[in-house]
Amino acid sequence: MAPAESGAEGELNLSLELKELLCTNLKKLGVLVYTCRINFNNVNQCRIVYFLYSFSWLNNRAARMEHPPLKPFLRWAGSKRKLIPALMPYWSGEYARYIEPFMGSASYFFATEPNSAILSDQNECLVNAFNVIKHHPRRLYNQLAKLPRGEAAFYEVRAAYSPNLPKIIRATYFIYLNRFCFNGLYRTNKSGKFNVPYGATKSGDIPPLEHFYDVSKRLSVASIECNDYWTVMEQATSGDFIYIDPPYIIPNKRVFSEYGAKVFDWNDFKRLVALLDVLDQRGVKFLLSYADSSEAVELLSKWSISYSSAYRTMSGNAKSRKKESELIVTNIKLEEKKYAVG
């Protein structure tokens, strides 16, 4: 849509519909634009207005202001919440299904709002928490509201927490420990016992009941599974979209990746990369985020690679956290871009 110049020099004829469209969209952005203040028959003024309107990111910003993405109900080490602006251009609502084999807190799922999805993880307690909030949001919230707060209470809940508890109680304790533990970290010992220390209440209290209902409604479109990444990715067919965010493994470099008793290693990553060819041949679109390293770039070199930067959240001291480069790898064709997100 472009305005057509006509008439005497310095004049521009615009339809009433286009004038209203320009004003409406600019007002959404908080720009003080009123029809009475703009001479839409003046070429220079109209060029300025149209120039502002033409920036798609302005319109996207207005949409986000009116309908911000739903926040995940969990904190999660390695979450991609800060990377979302760099990932969103790759998503389209036209995909048949959204599939995420390493869901974690599923922040990208909540941001994209797909109509159909498969969410999966090998962490059985995480998957249980998702299924419980999906089917029993009020019962879960009521159980959480009963638990006392504070360091002593945290360690009492941690001692009582077990994968063998009834599903709703297990989800209650899981979310409580996640909310109040150090950095939203999930770590267990070899016996499968959660052993992350208390992290105070810097992350705030448990979200309100309304948020539990919102999460439940959003998850209603998703099948939530406890499977390994290979089983989940093998389900993808033509027209599906897969977001892949595996634990970061870099040979000969210490990167935290052991979130539980089951470990994802470098051989798993190479196996995953080999599967990308199969998915591409099926007509599946994929998006993979991973730690920037020469080893990973070499393995993934046949695909489109762009770069982003985000703060790592493992450090207990916020001042010592540094931005790290991350790879965004895909078979989706977009104009080459670099994003800096922080």
Protein backbone atom coordinates (compact mmCIF):
# COMPACT_ATOMS: atom_id res chain seq x y z
CA MET A 1 0.00 0.00 0.00
CA ALA A 2 1.64 3.26 -1.10
CA PRO A 3 0.13 6.76 -1.39
CA ALA A 4 -0.24 8.00 -4.95
CA GLU A 5 0.90 11.54 -5.60
CA SER A 6 -1.32 13.69 -7.76
CA GLY A 7 -2.53 17.22 -8.23
CA ALA A 8 -0.41 20.35 -7.92
CA GLU A 9 3.14 20.22 -6.59
CA GLY A 10 3.14 19.80 -2.82
CA GLU A 11 -0.26 18.16 -2.73
CA LEU A 12 -1.20 14.55 -2.22
CA ASN A 13 -4.63 12.97 -2.54
CA LEU A 14 -5.38 10.23 -0.01
CA SER A 15 -8.59 8.37 0.53
CA LEU A 16 -10.44 8.89 3.80
CA GLU A 17 -9.88 5.19 4.58
CA LEU A 18 -6.10 5.54 4.32
CA LYS A 19 -6.09 8.73 6.39
CA GLU A 20 -8.01 6.96 9.18
CA LEU A 21 -5.71 3.93 8.98
CA LEU A 22 -2.58 6.06 9.36
CA CYS A 23 -4.00 8.02 12.30
CA THR A 24 -5.33 4.92 14.08
CA ASN A 25 -2.04 3.06 13.93
CA LEU A 26 0.01 6.05 15.02
CA LYS A 27 -2.29 6.71 17.96
CA LYS A 28 -1.79 3.11 19.09
CA LEU A 29 1.90 3.91 19.43
CA GLY A 30 1.25 6.92 21.60
CA VAL A 31 2.24 9.34 18.81
CA LEU A 32 0.30 12.60 19.11
CA VAL A 33 -1.22 12.60 15.68
CA TYR A 34 -4.66 13.99 14.97
CA THR A 35 -6.35 14.48 11.64
CA CYS A 36 -6.74 18.19 12.32
CA ARG A 37 -2.99 18.60 12.81
CA ILE A 38 -1.94 16.83 9.63
CA ASN A 39 -2.48 18.22 6.20
CA PHE A 40 -2.88 14.97 4.30
CA ASN A 41 -2.75 16.91 1.04
CA ASN A 42 0.75 18.11 1.87
CA VAL A 43 3.31 15.75 0.33
CA ASN A 44 6.05 16.35 2.91
CA GLN A 45 3.83 15.86 5.94
CA CYS A 46 2.21 12.78 4.50
CA ARG A 47 5.55 11.28 3.57
CA ILE A 48 6.62 11.56 7.21
CA VAL A 49 3.42 9.92 8.46
CA TYR A 50 3.59 7.14 5.90
CA PHE A 51 7.30 6.60 6.63
CA LEU A 52 6.49 5.99 10.31
CA TYR A 53 3.60 3.71 9.48
CA SER A 54 5.69 1.68 7.06
CA PHE A 55 8.01 0.42 9.76
CA SER A 56 6.64 -3.03 10.55
CA TRP A 57 8.35 -3.12 13.93
CA LEU A 58 6.25 -0.16 15.05
CA ASN A 59 3.09 -2.02 14.24
CA ASN A 60 4.44 -5.13 15.97
CA ARG A 61 5.28 -3.06 19.00
CA ALA A 62 1.73 -1.71 19.13
CA ALA A 63 0.38 -5.26 18.97
CA ARG A 64 2.67 -6.38 21.79
CA MET A 65 1.57 -3.44 23.92
CA GLU A 66 -2.08 -4.42 23.46
CA HIS A 67 -1.54 -8.17 23.84
CA PRO A 68 1.78 -8.99 25.55
CA PRO A 69 2.99 -12.61 25.42
CA LEU A 70 1.96 -14.83 28.29
CA LYS A 71 4.83 -15.30 30.71
CA PRO A 72 5.91 -18.87 31.53
CA PHE A 73 4.74 -20.10 34.92
CA LEU A 74 8.22 -21.47 35.70
CA ARG A 75 11.65 -19.96 36.06
CA TRP A 76 14.16 -22.06 34.15
CA ALA A 77 17.93 -22.03 33.80
CA GLY A 78 18.63 -21.68 30.08
CA SER A 79 15.26 -20.10 29.34
CA LYS A 80 15.06 -18.24 26.03
CA ARG A 81 12.77 -15.42 27.22
CA LYS A 82 15.40 -12.79 26.41
CA LEU A 83 16.02 -14.33 23.02
CA ILE A 84 12.37 -14.21 21.97
CA PRO A 85 12.67 -10.99 19.85
CA ALA A 86 15.37 -12.69 17.77
CA LEU A 87 13.33 -15.88 17.38
CA MET A 88 9.91 -14.42 16.55
CA PRO A 89 10.62 -13.57 12.87
CA TYR A 90 10.94 -17.29 12.15
CA TRP A 91 7.48 -18.15 13.41
CA SER A 92 4.31 -18.13 11.31
CA GLY A 93 0.81 -18.99 12.41
CA GLU A 94 0.44 -20.93 9.16
CA TYR A 95 2.45 -23.91 10.44
CA ALA A 96 0.40 -27.05 11.09
CA ARG A 97 1.99 -27.77 14.48
CA TYR A 98 4.52 -26.32 16.87
CA ILE A 99 6.86 -28.99 18.29
CA GLU A 100 9.38 -28.47 21.10
CA PRO A 101 11.40 -31.51 22.27
CA PHE A 102 13.32 -29.64 25.03
CA MET A 103 10.50 -27.53 26.41
CA GLY A 104 11.96 -26.28 29.70
CA SER A 105 9.67 -23.36 30.65
CA ALA A 106 8.32 -23.30 27.04
CA SER A 107 8.78 -19.52 26.76
CA TYR A 108 8.81 -19.60 22.95
CA PHE A 109 5.59 -21.65 22.89
CA PHE A 110 3.85 -19.09 25.08
CA ALA A 111 5.12 -16.25 22.88
CA THR A 112 4.08 -17.81 19.55
CA GLU A 113 0.58 -18.93 20.58
CA PRO A 114 0.25 -21.86 18.14
CA ASN A 115 -3.08 -23.54 17.43
CA SER A 116 -1.63 -27.04 17.86
CA ALA A 117 1.52 -28.19 19.63
CA ILE A 118 3.61 -31.01 21.03
CA LEU A 119 5.65 -30.09 24.10
CA SER A 120 8.08 -32.64 25.48
CA ASP A 121 10.93 -33.10 27.89
CA GLN A 122 12.71 -36.02 29.53
CA ASN A 123 12.25 -34.44 32.95
CA GLU A 124 9.24 -36.37 34.28
CA CYS A 125 8.60 -33.91 37.11
CA LEU A 126 8.59 -30.97 34.72
CA VAL A 127 6.16 -32.73 32.38
CA ASN A 128 3.92 -33.59 35.33
CA ALA A 129 3.84 -29.92 36.42
CA PHE A 130 2.76 -28.87 32.92
CA ASN A 131 0.01 -31.49 32.79
CA VAL A 132 -1.30 -30.62 36.24
CA ILE A 133 -1.51 -26.87 35.56
CA LYS A 134 -3.18 -27.68 32.23
CA HIS A 135 -5.92 -29.84 33.78
CA HIS A 136 -6.15 -28.62 37.41
CA PRO A 137 -5.09 -24.93 37.59
CA ARG A 138 -7.25 -24.02 40.59
CA ARG A 139 -6.42 -27.09 42.68
CA LEU A 140 -2.74 -26.51 42.00
CA TYR A 141 -2.93 -22.85 42.96
CA ASN A 142 -4.83 -23.63 46.16
CA GLN A 143 -2.17 -26.15 47.22
CA LEU A 144 0.60 -23.65 46.54
CA ALA A 145 -1.20 -20.92 48.49
CA LYS A 146 -1.20 -23.16 51.59
CA LEU A 147 2.57 -23.59 51.72
CA PRO A 148 4.52 -21.25 54.04
CA ARG A 149 7.27 -19.03 52.68
CA GLY A 150 10.86 -18.56 53.85
CA GLU A 151 14.13 -20.45 53.96
CA ALA A 152 13.16 -22.95 56.65
CA ALA A 153 9.93 -23.80 54.83
CA PHE A 154 11.85 -24.19 51.55
CA TYR A 155 14.14 -26.84 52.99
CA GLU A 156 11.19 -28.67 54.57
CA VAL A 157 9.47 -28.85 51.17
CA ARG A 158 12.72 -29.87 49.49
CA ALA A 159 13.16 -32.72 51.98
CA ALA A 160 9.59 -33.90 51.42
CA TYR A 161 9.74 -33.62 47.63
CA SER A 162 9.82 -36.93 45.77
CA PRO A 163 8.98 -38.15 42.25
CA ASN A 164 6.75 -40.73 43.92
CA LEU A 165 4.30 -38.22 45.41
CA PRO A 166 0.73 -37.95 44.06
CA LYS A 167 0.68 -35.90 40.84
CA ILE A 168 -0.88 -32.68 42.18
CA ILE A 169 1.27 -32.62 45.32
CA ARG A 170 4.37 -33.39 43.26
CA ALA A 171 3.55 -30.51 40.88
CA THR A 172 2.87 -28.22 43.85
CA TYR A 173 6.26 -28.91 45.42
CA PHE A 174 8.00 -28.73 42.03
CA ILE A 175 6.64 -25.25 41.27
CA TYR A 176 7.28 -24.04 44.83
CA LEU A 177 10.90 -25.19 44.75
CA ASN A 178 11.36 -23.75 41.26
CA ARG A 179 10.03 -20.38 42.35
CA PHE A 180 12.19 -20.04 45.44
CA CYS A 181 15.37 -21.95 44.59
CA PHE A 182 18.62 -20.45 43.30
CA ASN A 183 18.17 -19.05 39.76
CA GLY A 184 15.33 -21.38 38.80
CA LEU A 185 17.86 -24.17 38.49
CA TYR A 186 16.71 -27.77 38.29
CA ARG A 187 19.41 -30.16 39.46
CA THR A 188 19.26 -33.56 41.08
CA ASN A 189 21.86 -35.89 42.52
CA LYS A 190 22.48 -39.40 41.22
CA SER A 191 19.60 -40.66 43.34
CA GLY A 192 17.26 -38.22 41.64
CA LYS A 193 16.93 -36.01 44.73
CA PHE A 194 16.48 -32.28 44.10
CA ASN A 195 19.44 -30.50 45.70
CA VAL A 196 19.37 -26.83 44.65
CA PRO A 197 19.73 -24.39 47.59
CA TYR A 198 17.35 -21.66 48.65
CA GLY A 199 17.49 -18.53 46.50
CA ALA A 200 15.38 -16.10 48.56
CA THR A 201 12.34 -14.35 47.09
CA LYS A 202 13.92 -12.08 44.48
CA SER A 203 11.78 -13.71 41.81
CA GLY A 204 8.58 -12.73 43.63
CA ASP A 205 5.82 -14.89 45.01
CA ILE A 206 3.71 -17.52 43.26
CA PRO A 207 1.81 -16.03 40.26
CA PRO A 208 -1.87 -15.16 40.82
CA LEU A 209 -4.70 -17.62 40.12
CA GLU A 210 -5.62 -15.73 36.94
CA HIS A 211 -2.20 -16.55 35.51
CA PHE A 212 -2.73 -20.25 36.24
CA TYR A 213 -6.00 -20.12 34.30
CA ASP A 214 -4.32 -18.32 31.39
CA VAL A 215 -1.55 -20.93 31.25
CA SER A 216 -4.10 -23.74 31.40
CA LYS A 217 -6.05 -22.26 28.51
CA ARG A 218 -2.91 -21.83 26.39
CA LEU A 219 -1.78 -25.39 27.11
CA SER A 220 -5.15 -26.76 26.00
CA VAL A 221 -3.83 -26.87 22.40
CA ALA A 222 -0.76 -28.88 23.39
CA SER A 223 -0.01 -32.55 23.84
CA ILE A 224 2.48 -32.67 26.72
CA GLU A 225 4.77 -35.70 26.63
CA CYS A 226 7.70 -37.18 28.49
CA ASN A 227 9.91 -38.46 25.69
CA ASP A 228 13.46 -38.23 24.40
CA TYR A 229 14.13 -35.67 21.68
CA TRP A 230 14.50 -38.28 18.93
CA THR A 231 11.04 -39.78 19.52
CA VAL A 232 9.44 -36.34 19.50
CA MET A 233 11.25 -35.00 16.43
CA GLU A 234 10.45 -38.19 14.50
CA GLN A 235 6.76 -37.30 14.79
CA ALA A 236 7.19 -34.17 12.65
CA THR A 237 5.68 -34.13 9.18
CA SER A 238 5.49 -31.65 6.31
CA GLY A 239 4.13 -28.30 7.45
CA ASP A 240 5.27 -28.66 11.06
CA PHE A 241 7.62 -26.27 12.88
CA ILE A 242 10.16 -27.51 15.44
CA TYR A 243 11.94 -25.30 17.93
CA ILE A 244 15.04 -27.07 19.28
CA ASP A 245 16.86 -25.74 22.33
CA PRO A 246 18.99 -28.59 23.70
CA PRO A 247 21.31 -28.36 26.71
CA TYR A 248 24.54 -26.68 25.67
CA ILE A 249 27.52 -28.97 25.22
CA ILE A 250 30.86 -27.68 23.94
CA PRO A 251 33.81 -30.11 23.78
CA ASN A 252 36.68 -29.21 26.12
CA LYS A 253 34.73 -26.35 27.67
CA ARG A 254 32.76 -26.30 30.91
CA VAL A 255 29.16 -25.37 30.16
CA PHE A 256 26.41 -26.22 32.61
CA SER A 257 24.13 -28.77 30.96
CA GLU A 258 23.23 -31.41 33.53
CA TYR A 259 19.75 -30.43 34.65
CA GLY A 260 18.98 -33.87 36.06
CA ALA A 261 20.14 -37.43 36.30
CA LYS A 262 19.89 -37.89 32.51
CA VAL A 263 22.70 -36.20 30.63
CA PHE A 264 22.69 -34.81 27.10
CA ASP A 265 26.21 -35.16 25.68
CA TRP A 266 28.13 -34.21 22.53
CA ASN A 267 27.26 -37.48 20.78
CA ASP A 268 23.59 -36.73 21.37
CA PHE A 269 24.06 -33.33 19.80
CA LYS A 270 25.72 -34.81 16.70
CA ARG A 271 22.86 -37.30 16.43
CA LEU A 272 20.40 -34.43 16.67
CA VAL A 273 22.20 -32.49 13.92
CA ALA A 274 22.06 -35.54 11.63
CA LEU A 275 18.28 -35.66 12.13
CA LEU A 276 17.95 -32.11 10.77
CA ASP A 277 18.58 -33.43 7.25
CA VAL A 278 15.73 -35.91 7.62
CA LEU A 279 13.38 -33.19 8.84
CA ASP A 280 14.34 -30.85 6.01
CA GLN A 281 13.65 -33.54 3.41
CA ARG A 282 10.20 -34.09 4.92
CA GLY A 283 9.30 -30.42 4.55
CA VAL A 284 9.59 -29.68 8.26
CA LYS A 285 10.82 -26.22 9.24
CA PHE A 286 13.18 -26.06 12.20
CA LEU A 287 14.76 -23.42 14.39
CA LEU A 288 17.66 -24.34 16.68
CA SER A 289 19.35 -22.14 19.29
CA TYR A 290 22.73 -23.15 20.65
CA ALA A 291 25.89 -21.83 22.29
CA ASP A 292 28.24 -20.23 19.80
CA SER A 293 31.34 -22.37 19.30
CA SER A 294 33.55 -23.32 16.37
CA GLU A 295 32.61 -26.99 16.85
CA ALA A 296 28.88 -26.29 16.63
CA VAL A 297 29.30 -23.94 13.65
CA GLU A 298 31.26 -26.62 11.78
CA LEU A 299 28.55 -29.23 12.38
CA LEU A 300 25.75 -26.86 11.39
CA SER A 301 27.48 -25.05 8.52
CA LYS A 302 25.09 -26.27 5.80
CA TRP A 303 22.19 -24.39 7.39
CA SER A 304 21.48 -20.69 7.73
CA ILE A 305 23.27 -19.38 10.84
CA SER A 306 22.77 -16.00 12.48
CA TYR A 307 23.94 -14.72 15.84
CA SER A 308 22.39 -13.22 18.92
CA SER A 309 23.65 -12.31 22.36
CA ALA A 310 22.05 -12.87 25.72
CA TYR A 311 23.03 -12.86 29.38
CA ARG A 312 23.73 -16.22 30.98
CA THR A 313 21.73 -16.63 34.18
CA MET A 314 23.85 -19.19 36.04
CA SER A 315 25.93 -16.72 38.01
CA GLY A 316 24.62 -15.83 41.45
CA ASN A 317 25.99 -12.30 41.11
CA ALA A 318 24.04 -10.30 38.53
CA LYS A 319 27.00 -7.94 38.01
CA SER A 320 29.24 -10.81 36.97
CA ARG A 321 26.84 -12.09 34.30
CA LYS A 322 28.16 -11.51 30.80
CA LYS A 323 26.55 -11.51 27.40
CA GLU A 324 27.33 -14.66 25.47
CA SER A 325 27.00 -15.21 21.75
CA GLU A 326 24.35 -17.70 20.67
CA LEU A 327 23.69 -19.37 17.34
CA ILE A 328 20.29 -19.29 15.67
CA VAL A 329 20.24 -22.06 13.07
CA THR A 330 17.40 -22.73 10.64
CA ASN A 331 16.24 -24.02 7.26
CA ILE A 332 13.78 -21.13 7.04
CA LYS A 333 14.79 -18.56 4.46
CA LEU A 334 14.85 -15.04 5.83
CA GLU A 335 16.92 -12.03 4.97
CA GLU A 336 20.24 -12.28 6.78
CA LYS A 337 20.00 -10.44 10.07
CA LYS A 338 21.93 -10.08 13.30
CA TYR A 339 20.16 -9.43 16.56
CA ALA A 340 21.53 -8.17 19.83
CA VAL A 341 19.20 -9.09 22.66
CA GLY A 342 19.86 -8.51 26.30
